[in-house]
PDB file of N, CA and C in Angstrom:
ATOM      1  N   MET A   1     -46.705 -74.997 -26.848  1.00  0.00           N
ATOM      2  CA  MET A   1     -46.626 -74.905 -28.289  1.00  0.00           C
ATOM      3  C   MET A   1     -47.109 -73.530 -28.740  1.00  0.00           C
ATOM      4  N   ARG A   2     -46.379 -72.938 -29.661  1.00  0.00           N
ATOM      5  CA  ARG A   2     -46.785 -71.658 -30.224  1.00  0.00           C
ATOM      6  C   ARG A   2     -47.978 -71.869 -31.143  1.00  0.00           C
ATOM      7  N   THR A   3     -48.799 -70.869 -31.222  1.00  0.00           N
ATOM      8  CA  THR A   3     -49.913 -70.944 -32.154  1.00  0.00           C
ATOM      9  C   THR A   3     -49.791 -69.824 -33.170  1.00  0.00           C
ATOM     10  N   ILE A   4     -50.307 -70.085 -34.317  1.00  0.00           N
ATOM     11  CA  ILE A   4     -50.292 -69.127 -35.412  1.00  0.00           C
ATOM     12  C   ILE A   4     -51.726 -68.678 -35.622  1.00  0.00           C
ATOM     13  N   THR A   5     -51.936 -67.398 -35.594  1.00  0.00           N
ATOM     14  CA  THR A   5     -53.292 -66.891 -35.786  1.00  0.00           C
ATOM     15  C   THR A   5     -53.327 -65.912 -36.941  1.00  0.00           C
ATOM     16  N   LEU A   6     -54.428 -65.930 -37.626  1.00  0.00           N
ATOM     17  CA  LEU A   6     -54.647 -64.991 -38.720  1.00  0.00           C
ATOM     18  C   LEU A   6     -55.596 -63.902 -38.247  1.00  0.00           C
ATOM     19  N   THR A   7     -55.416 -62.721 -38.793  1.00  0.00           N
ATOM     20  CA  THR A   7     -56.325 -61.617 -38.473  1.00  0.00           C
ATOM     21  C   THR A   7     -57.575 -61.734 -39.339  1.00  0.00           C
ATOM     22  N   ASP A   8     -58.574 -60.944 -39.018  1.00  0.00           N
ATOM     23  CA  ASP A   8     -59.780 -60.915 -39.849  1.00  0.00           C
ATOM     24  C   ASP A   8     -59.436 -60.498 -41.270  1.00  0.00           C
ATOM     25  N   ALA A   9     -58.522 -59.544 -41.413  1.00  0.00           N
ATOM     26  CA  ALA A   9     -58.097 -59.102 -42.748  1.00  0.00           C
ATOM     27  C   ALA A   9     -57.419 -60.248 -43.504  1.00  0.00           C
ATOM     28  N   ASP A  10     -56.603 -61.041 -42.814  1.00  0.00           N
ATOM     29  CA  ASP A  10     -55.957 -62.205 -43.440  1.00  0.00           C
ATOM     30  C   ASP A  10     -57.009 -63.163 -43.977  1.00  0.00           C
ATOM     31  N   ARG A  11     -58.041 -63.413 -43.184  1.00  0.00           N
ATOM     32  CA  ARG A  11     -59.093 -64.360 -43.589  1.00  0.00           C
ATOM     33  C   ARG A  11     -59.878 -63.841 -44.793  1.00  0.00           C
ATOM     34  N   VAL A  12     -60.149 -62.552 -44.813  1.00  0.00           N
ATOM     35  CA  VAL A  12     -60.864 -61.957 -45.948  1.00  0.00           C
ATOM     36  C   VAL A  12     -60.034 -62.092 -47.218  1.00  0.00           C
ATOM     37  N   ILE A  13     -58.750 -61.776 -47.129  1.00  0.00           N
ATOM     38  CA  ILE A  13     -57.869 -61.905 -48.298  1.00  0.00           C
ATOM     39  C   ILE A  13     -57.805 -63.353 -48.756  1.00  0.00           C
ATOM     40  N   TYR A  14     -57.667 -64.280 -47.801  1.00  0.00           N
ATOM     41  CA  TYR A  14     -57.620 -65.700 -48.159  1.00  0.00           C
ATOM     42  C   TYR A  14     -58.912 -66.115 -48.868  1.00  0.00           C
ATOM     43  N   ASP A  15     -60.044 -65.809 -48.263  1.00  0.00           N
ATOM     44  CA  ASP A  15     -61.338 -66.236 -48.824  1.00  0.00           C
ATOM     45  C   ASP A  15     -61.616 -65.630 -50.191  1.00  0.00           C
ATOM     46  N   ARG A  16     -61.308 -64.362 -50.359  1.00  0.00           N
ATOM     47  CA  ARG A  16     -61.656 -63.664 -51.607  1.00  0.00           C
ATOM     48  C   ARG A  16     -60.611 -63.786 -52.702  1.00  0.00           C
ATOM     49  N   GLU A  17     -59.336 -63.746 -52.312  1.00  0.00           N
ATOM     50  CA  GLU A  17     -58.290 -63.615 -53.322  1.00  0.00           C
ATOM     51  C   GLU A  17     -57.404 -64.841 -53.513  1.00  0.00           C
ATOM     52  N   LEU A  18     -57.355 -65.727 -52.533  1.00  0.00           N
ATOM     53  CA  LEU A  18     -56.461 -66.880 -52.653  1.00  0.00           C
ATOM     54  C   LEU A  18     -57.192 -68.207 -52.826  1.00  0.00           C
ATOM     55  N   ARG A  19     -58.128 -68.466 -51.950  1.00  0.00           N
ATOM     56  CA  ARG A  19     -58.791 -69.777 -51.921  1.00  0.00           C
ATOM     57  C   ARG A  19     -59.338 -70.224 -53.272  1.00  0.00           C
ATOM     58  N   PRO A  20     -59.968 -69.341 -54.055  1.00  0.00           N
ATOM     59  CA  PRO A  20     -60.507 -69.803 -55.330  1.00  0.00           C
ATOM     60  C   PRO A  20     -59.448 -70.340 -56.303  1.00  0.00           C
ATOM     61  N   TYR A  21     -58.189 -69.980 -56.094  1.00  0.00           N
ATOM     62  CA  TYR A  21     -57.135 -70.363 -57.038  1.00  0.00           C
ATOM     63  C   TYR A  21     -56.210 -71.460 -56.514  1.00  0.00           C
ATOM     64  N   LEU A  22     -56.384 -71.854 -55.271  1.00  0.00           N
ATOM     65  CA  LEU A  22     -55.485 -72.847 -54.690  1.00  0.00           C
ATOM     66  C   LEU A  22     -55.927 -74.267 -55.031  1.00  0.00           C
ATOM     67  N   PRO A  23     -54.959 -75.115 -55.382  1.00  0.00           N
ATOM     68  CA  PRO A  23     -55.288 -76.520 -55.618  1.00  0.00           C
ATOM     69  C   PRO A  23     -55.487 -77.261 -54.296  1.00  0.00           C
ATOM     70  N   LYS A  24     -56.021 -78.447 -54.372  1.00  0.00           N
ATOM     71  CA  LYS A  24     -56.200 -79.277 -53.169  1.00  0.00           C
ATOM     72  C   LYS A  24     -54.861 -79.751 -52.621  1.00  0.00           C
ATOM     73  N   ARG A  25     -53.865 -79.865 -53.485  1.00  0.00           N
ATOM     74  CA  ARG A  25     -52.533 -80.280 -53.064  1.00  0.00           C
ATOM     75  C   ARG A  25     -51.536 -79.185 -53.427  1.00  0.00           C
ATOM     76  N   ILE A  26     -50.727 -78.774 -52.445  1.00  0.00           N
ATOM     77  CA  ILE A  26     -49.724 -77.726 -52.635  1.00  0.00           C
ATOM     78  C   ILE A  26     -48.363 -78.304 -52.289  1.00  0.00           C
ATOM     79  N   PHE A  27     -47.352 -77.948 -53.079  1.00  0.00           N
ATOM     80  CA  PHE A  27     -45.978 -78.344 -52.790  1.00  0.00           C
ATOM     81  C   PHE A  27     -45.168 -77.079 -52.556  1.00  0.00           C
ATOM     82  N   ASP A  28     -44.677 -76.898 -51.336  1.00  0.00           N
ATOM     83  CA  ASP A  28     -43.812 -75.779 -50.987  1.00  0.00           C
ATOM     84  C   ASP A  28     -42.406 -76.144 -51.454  1.00  0.00           C
ATOM     85  N   ALA A  29     -41.947 -75.519 -52.510  1.00  0.00           N
ATOM     86  CA  ALA A  29     -40.708 -75.935 -53.155  1.00  0.00           C
ATOM     87  C   ALA A  29     -39.439 -75.500 -52.438  1.00  0.00           C
ATOM     88  N   HIS A  30     -39.556 -74.647 -51.415  1.00  0.00           N
ATOM     89  CA  HIS A  30     -38.352 -74.187 -50.733  1.00  0.00           C
ATOM     90  C   HIS A  30     -38.729 -73.631 -49.371  1.00  0.00           C
ATOM     91  N   THR A  31     -38.444 -74.396 -48.340  1.00  0.00           N
ATOM     92  CA  THR A  31     -38.688 -73.933 -46.970  1.00  0.00           C
ATOM     93  C   THR A  31     -37.593 -74.465 -46.054  1.00  0.00           C
ATOM     94  N   HIS A  32     -37.368 -73.776 -44.950  1.00  0.00           N
ATOM     95  CA  HIS A  32     -36.275 -74.133 -44.048  1.00  0.00           C
ATOM     96  C   HIS A  32     -36.779 -74.470 -42.652  1.00  0.00           C
ATOM     97  N   LEU A  33     -36.059 -75.366 -42.011  1.00  0.00           N
ATOM     98  CA  LEU A  33     -36.207 -75.589 -40.576  1.00  0.00           C
ATOM     99  C   LEU A  33     -35.096 -74.795 -39.902  1.00  0.00           C
ATOM    100  N   LEU A  34     -35.370 -74.259 -38.753  1.00  0.00           N
ATOM    101  CA  LEU A  34     -34.359 -73.514 -38.005  1.00  0.00           C
ATOM    102  C   LEU A  34     -34.526 -73.829 -36.528  1.00  0.00           C
ATOM    103  N   ILE A  35     -33.683 -74.693 -36.026  1.00  0.00           N
ATOM    104  CA  ILE A  35     -33.714 -75.087 -34.621  1.00  0.00           C
ATOM    105  C   ILE A  35     -32.616 -74.287 -33.905  1.00  0.00           C
ATOM    106  N   ASN A  36     -33.025 -73.305 -33.112  1.00  0.00           N
ATOM    107  CA  ASN A  36     -32.069 -72.381 -32.499  1.00  0.00           C
ATOM    108  C   ASN A  36     -30.954 -73.089 -31.729  1.00  0.00           C
ATOM    109  N   SER A  37     -31.279 -74.160 -31.036  1.00  0.00           N
ATOM    110  CA  SER A  37     -30.270 -74.840 -30.216  1.00  0.00           C
ATOM    111  C   SER A  37     -29.152 -75.464 -31.053  1.00  0.00           C
ATOM    112  N   HIS A  38     -29.338 -75.584 -32.349  1.00  0.00           N
ATOM    113  CA  HIS A  38     -28.307 -76.139 -33.219  1.00  0.00           C
ATOM    114  C   HIS A  38     -27.225 -75.127 -33.556  1.00  0.00           C
ATOM    115  N   TYR A  39     -27.442 -73.868 -33.204  1.00  0.00           N
ATOM    116  CA  TYR A  39     -26.530 -72.797 -33.583  1.00  0.00           C
ATOM    117  C   TYR A  39     -26.035 -72.077 -32.342  1.00  0.00           C
ATOM    118  N   PRO A  40     -24.763 -72.251 -31.994  1.00  0.00           N
ATOM    119  CA  PRO A  40     -24.246 -71.627 -30.781  1.00  0.00           C
ATOM    120  C   PRO A  40     -24.171 -70.096 -30.859  1.00  0.00           C
ATOM    121  N   ASP A  41     -24.053 -69.551 -32.050  1.00  0.00           N
ATOM    122  CA  ASP A  41     -23.927 -68.103 -32.195  1.00  0.00           C
ATOM    123  C   ASP A  41     -25.070 -67.584 -33.049  1.00  0.00           C
ATOM    124  N   LEU A  42     -26.195 -67.309 -32.413  1.00  0.00           N
ATOM    125  CA  LEU A  42     -27.357 -66.850 -33.164  1.00  0.00           C
ATOM    126  C   LEU A  42     -27.251 -65.402 -33.622  1.00  0.00           C
ATOM    127  N   SER A  43     -26.211 -64.685 -33.199  1.00  0.00           N
ATOM    128  CA  SER A  43     -26.074 -63.297 -33.643  1.00  0.00           C
ATOM    129  C   SER A  43     -25.887 -63.218 -35.156  1.00  0.00           C
ATOM    130  N   SER A  44     -25.405 -64.294 -35.762  1.00  0.00           N
ATOM    131  CA  SER A  44     -25.236 -64.308 -37.211  1.00  0.00           C
ATOM    132  C   SER A  44     -26.535 -64.672 -37.927  1.00  0.00           C
ATOM    133  N   MET A  45     -27.591 -64.936 -37.162  1.00  0.00           N
ATOM    134  CA  MET A  45     -28.854 -65.359 -37.750  1.00  0.00           C
ATOM    135  C   MET A  45     -30.002 -64.507 -37.218  1.00  0.00           C
ATOM    136  N   PRO A  46     -30.224 -63.322 -37.800  1.00  0.00           N
ATOM    137  CA  PRO A  46     -31.301 -62.467 -37.292  1.00  0.00           C
ATOM    138  C   PRO A  46     -32.674 -63.129 -37.342  1.00  0.00           C
ATOM    139  N   LEU A  47     -32.886 -64.052 -38.246  1.00  0.00           N
ATOM    140  CA  LEU A  47     -34.180 -64.730 -38.321  1.00  0.00           C
ATOM    141  C   LEU A  47     -34.484 -65.509 -37.051  1.00  0.00           C
ATOM    142  N   ALA A  48     -33.457 -66.009 -36.396  1.00  0.00           N
ATOM    143  CA  ALA A  48     -33.656 -66.836 -35.201  1.00  0.00           C
ATOM    144  C   ALA A  48     -34.284 -66.051 -34.058  1.00  0.00           C
ATOM    145  N   ALA A  49     -34.088 -64.738 -34.046  1.00  0.00           N
ATOM    146  CA  ALA A  49     -34.654 -63.915 -32.975  1.00  0.00           C
ATOM    147  C   ALA A  49     -36.132 -63.592 -33.208  1.00  0.00           C
ATOM    148  N   ASP A  50     -36.609 -63.788 -34.420  1.00  0.00           N
ATOM    149  CA  ASP A  50     -38.010 -63.505 -34.737  1.00  0.00           C
ATOM    150  C   ASP A  50     -38.882 -64.592 -34.109  1.00  0.00           C
ATOM    151  N   PRO A  51     -39.896 -64.220 -33.323  1.00  0.00           N
ATOM    152  CA  PRO A  51     -40.706 -65.243 -32.648  1.00  0.00           C
ATOM    153  C   PRO A  51     -41.463 -66.161 -33.600  1.00  0.00           C
ATOM    154  N   LEU A  52     -41.702 -65.737 -34.824  1.00  0.00           N
ATOM    155  CA  LEU A  52     -42.389 -66.597 -35.788  1.00  0.00           C
ATOM    156  C   LEU A  52     -41.422 -67.450 -36.599  1.00  0.00           C
ATOM    157  N   LEU A  53     -40.186 -66.986 -36.754  1.00  0.00           N
ATOM    158  CA  LEU A  53     -39.256 -67.669 -37.653  1.00  0.00           C
ATOM    159  C   LEU A  53     -38.185 -68.485 -36.956  1.00  0.00           C
ATOM    160  N   GLY A  54     -37.908 -68.197 -35.690  1.00  0.00           N
ATOM    161  CA  GLY A  54     -36.929 -68.985 -34.950  1.00  0.00           C
ATOM    162  C   GLY A  54     -37.580 -70.255 -34.417  1.00  0.00           C
ATOM    163  N   ASN A  55     -36.768 -71.269 -34.213  1.00  0.00           N
ATOM    164  CA  ASN A  55     -37.244 -72.557 -33.707  1.00  0.00           C
ATOM    165  C   ASN A  55     -38.377 -73.138 -34.548  1.00  0.00           C
ATOM    166  N   VAL A  56     -38.116 -73.273 -35.816  1.00  0.00           N
ATOM    167  CA  VAL A  56     -39.095 -73.866 -36.732  1.00  0.00           C
ATOM    168  C   VAL A  56     -38.713 -75.322 -36.942  1.00  0.00           C
ATOM    169  N   ASP A  57     -39.496 -76.219 -36.341  1.00  0.00           N
ATOM    170  CA  ASP A  57     -39.316 -77.647 -36.567  1.00  0.00           C
ATOM    171  C   ASP A  57     -40.465 -78.128 -37.459  1.00  0.00           C
ATOM    172  N   MET A  58     -40.498 -79.413 -37.733  1.00  0.00           N
ATOM    173  CA  MET A  58     -41.528 -79.928 -38.644  1.00  0.00           C
ATOM    174  C   MET A  58     -42.940 -79.756 -38.084  1.00  0.00           C
ATOM    175  N   VAL A  59     -43.106 -79.900 -36.789  1.00  0.00           N
ATOM    176  CA  VAL A  59     -44.433 -79.731 -36.187  1.00  0.00           C
ATOM    177  C   VAL A  59     -44.923 -78.307 -36.415  1.00  0.00           C
ATOM    178  N   TYR A  60     -44.044 -77.336 -36.151  1.00  0.00           N
ATOM    179  CA  TYR A  60     -44.413 -75.932 -36.326  1.00  0.00           C
ATOM    180  C   TYR A  60     -44.654 -75.609 -37.804  1.00  0.00           C
ATOM    181  N   LEU A  61     -43.813 -76.129 -38.685  1.00  0.00           N
ATOM    182  CA  LEU A  61     -43.977 -75.879 -40.120  1.00  0.00           C
ATOM    183  C   LEU A  61     -45.312 -76.427 -40.610  1.00  0.00           C
ATOM    184  N   ARG A  62     -45.660 -77.625 -40.198  1.00  0.00           N
ATOM    185  CA  ARG A  62     -46.953 -78.200 -40.606  1.00  0.00           C
ATOM    186  C   ARG A  62     -48.123 -77.381 -40.055  1.00  0.00           C
ATOM    187  N   GLN A  63     -47.945 -76.845 -38.847  1.00  0.00           N
ATOM    188  CA  GLN A  63     -48.983 -75.976 -38.284  1.00  0.00           C
ATOM    189  C   GLN A  63     -49.136 -74.712 -39.139  1.00  0.00           C
ATOM    190  N   TRP A  64     -48.021 -74.136 -39.578  1.00  0.00           N
ATOM    191  CA  TRP A  64     -48.064 -72.969 -40.475  1.00  0.00           C
ATOM    192  C   TRP A  64     -48.837 -73.306 -41.742  1.00  0.00           C
ATOM    193  N   TRP A  65     -48.457 -74.426 -42.360  1.00  0.00           N
ATOM    194  CA  TRP A  65     -49.112 -74.815 -43.608  1.00  0.00           C
ATOM    195  C   TRP A  65     -50.617 -74.984 -43.411  1.00  0.00           C
ATOM    196  N   LYS A  66     -51.008 -75.642 -42.339  1.00  0.00           N
ATOM    197  CA  LYS A  66     -52.434 -75.889 -42.079  1.00  0.00           C
ATOM    198  C   LYS A  66     -53.178 -74.584 -41.814  1.00  0.00           C
ATOM    199  N   THR A  67     -52.519 -73.649 -41.140  1.00  0.00           N
ATOM    200  CA  THR A  67     -53.141 -72.355 -40.870  1.00  0.00           C
ATOM    201  C   THR A  67     -53.270 -71.534 -42.148  1.00  0.00           C
ATOM    202  N   LEU A  68     -52.209 -71.513 -42.953  1.00  0.00           N
ATOM    203  CA  LEU A  68     -52.220 -70.702 -44.172  1.00  0.00           C
ATOM    204  C   LEU A  68     -53.088 -71.287 -45.277  1.00  0.00           C
ATOM    205  N   PHE A  69     -53.130 -72.609 -45.352  1.00  0.00           N
ATOM    206  CA  PHE A  69     -53.863 -73.288 -46.418  1.00  0.00           C
ATOM    207  C   PHE A  69     -54.767 -74.361 -45.821  1.00  0.00           C
ATOM    208  N   PRO A  70     -55.809 -73.980 -45.096  1.00  0.00           N
ATOM    209  CA  PRO A  70     -56.597 -74.950 -44.335  1.00  0.00           C
ATOM    210  C   PRO A  70     -57.332 -75.983 -45.173  1.00  0.00           C
ATOM    211  N   GLU A  71     -57.558 -75.696 -46.424  1.00  0.00           N
ATOM    212  CA  GLU A  71     -58.317 -76.631 -47.265  1.00  0.00           C
ATOM    213  C   GLU A  71     -57.436 -77.428 -48.213  1.00  0.00           C
ATOM    214  N   SER A  72     -56.118 -77.284 -48.074  1.00  0.00           N
ATOM    215  CA  SER A  72     -55.191 -77.969 -48.971  1.00  0.00           C
ATOM    216  C   SER A  72     -54.281 -78.908 -48.194  1.00  0.00           C
ATOM    217  N   GLU A  73     -53.839 -79.942 -48.879  1.00  0.00           N
ATOM    218  CA  GLU A  73     -52.811 -80.833 -48.350  1.00  0.00           C
ATOM    219  C   GLU A  73     -51.475 -80.242 -48.780  1.00  0.00           C
ATOM    220  N   VAL A  74     -50.609 -79.917 -47.822  1.00  0.00           N
ATOM    221  CA  VAL A  74     -49.347 -79.262 -48.146  1.00  0.00           C
ATOM    222  C   VAL A  74     -48.179 -80.154 -47.754  1.00  0.00           C
ATOM    223  N   ASN A  75     -47.230 -80.278 -48.662  1.00  0.00           N
ATOM    224  CA  ASN A  75     -45.955 -80.942 -48.422  1.00  0.00           C
ATOM    225  C   ASN A  75     -44.883 -80.055 -49.014  1.00  0.00           C
ATOM    226  N   GLY A  76     -43.619 -80.405 -48.791  1.00  0.00           N
ATOM    227  CA  GLY A  76     -42.600 -79.533 -49.341  1.00  0.00           C
ATOM    228  C   GLY A  76     -41.203 -80.093 -49.308  1.00  0.00           C
ATOM    229  N   LEU A  77     -40.317 -79.362 -49.963  1.00  0.00           N
ATOM    230  CA  LEU A  77     -38.891 -79.616 -49.926  1.00  0.00           C
ATOM    231  C   LEU A  77     -38.373 -78.841 -48.726  1.00  0.00           C
ATOM    232  N   VAL A  78     -38.041 -79.551 -47.664  1.00  0.00           N
ATOM    233  CA  VAL A  78     -37.672 -78.928 -46.396  1.00  0.00           C
ATOM    234  C   VAL A  78     -36.166 -79.037 -46.221  1.00  0.00           C
ATOM    235  N   LEU A  79     -35.532 -77.893 -46.006  1.00  0.00           N
ATOM    236  CA  LEU A  79     -34.086 -77.808 -45.892  1.00  0.00           C
ATOM    237  C   LEU A  79     -33.695 -77.359 -44.490  1.00  0.00           C
ATOM    238  N   GLY A  80     -32.461 -77.653 -44.122  1.00  0.00           N
ATOM    239  CA  GLY A  80     -31.906 -77.094 -42.897  1.00  0.00           C
ATOM    240  C   GLY A  80     -31.592 -75.632 -43.135  1.00  0.00           C
ATOM    241  N   PHE A  81     -30.910 -75.011 -42.199  1.00  0.00           N
ATOM    242  CA  PHE A  81     -30.558 -73.613 -42.348  1.00  0.00           C
ATOM    243  C   PHE A  81     -29.040 -73.504 -42.244  1.00  0.00           C
ATOM    244  N   PRO A  82     -28.350 -73.576 -43.385  1.00  0.00           N
ATOM    245  CA  PRO A  82     -26.886 -73.600 -43.340  1.00  0.00           C
ATOM    246  C   PRO A  82     -26.302 -72.242 -42.948  1.00  0.00           C
ATOM    247  N   VAL A  83     -25.369 -72.289 -42.036  1.00  0.00           N
ATOM    248  CA  VAL A  83     -24.642 -71.091 -41.625  1.00  0.00           C
ATOM    249  C   VAL A  83     -23.172 -71.466 -41.542  1.00  0.00           C
ATOM    250  N   THR A  84     -22.342 -70.757 -42.268  1.00  0.00           N
ATOM    251  CA  THR A  84     -20.916 -71.048 -42.288  1.00  0.00           C
ATOM    252  C   THR A  84     -20.305 -70.864 -40.905  1.00  0.00           C
ATOM    253  N   GLY A  85     -19.539 -71.839 -40.486  1.00  0.00           N
ATOM    254  CA  GLY A  85     -18.770 -71.727 -39.263  1.00  0.00           C
ATOM    255  C   GLY A  85     -19.505 -72.053 -37.990  1.00  0.00           C
ATOM    256  N   THR A  86     -20.752 -72.500 -38.070  1.00  0.00           N
ATOM    257  CA  THR A  86     -21.452 -72.871 -36.853  1.00  0.00           C
ATOM    258  C   THR A  86     -21.982 -74.281 -36.985  1.00  0.00           C
ATOM    259  N   SER A  87     -21.814 -75.042 -35.955  1.00  0.00           N
ATOM    260  CA  SER A  87     -22.388 -76.384 -35.935  1.00  0.00           C
ATOM    261  C   SER A  87     -22.422 -76.861 -34.494  1.00  0.00           C
ATOM    262  N   LYS A  88     -23.306 -77.767 -34.227  1.00  0.00           N
ATOM    263  CA  LYS A  88     -23.390 -78.377 -32.895  1.00  0.00           C
ATOM    264  C   LYS A  88     -22.728 -79.747 -33.004  1.00  0.00           C
ATOM    265  N   GLN A  89     -21.691 -79.955 -32.281  1.00  0.00           N
ATOM    266  CA  GLN A  89     -20.950 -81.203 -32.345  1.00  0.00           C
ATOM    267  C   GLN A  89     -21.334 -82.112 -31.224  1.00  0.00           C
TER     268      GLN A  89
END
């Protein structure tokens, strides 16, 4: 399993500039799942090659949310990643 880590600078910014304003419950209104194996031609999807953005399933997305907002309960509107002309049959 991939892990998501924050730098010391990330933690300072979170503690000083974000945490005081975040609610206990957060709703991510627009996020995507991207399962690389669902797309036979990933050349049309540069995001899939990014080690942080490719192969994003619900487990990984929840890990992101927990890492980014450790003191909040996060849920969201989770969408697939539509690409014209590609599908796994």
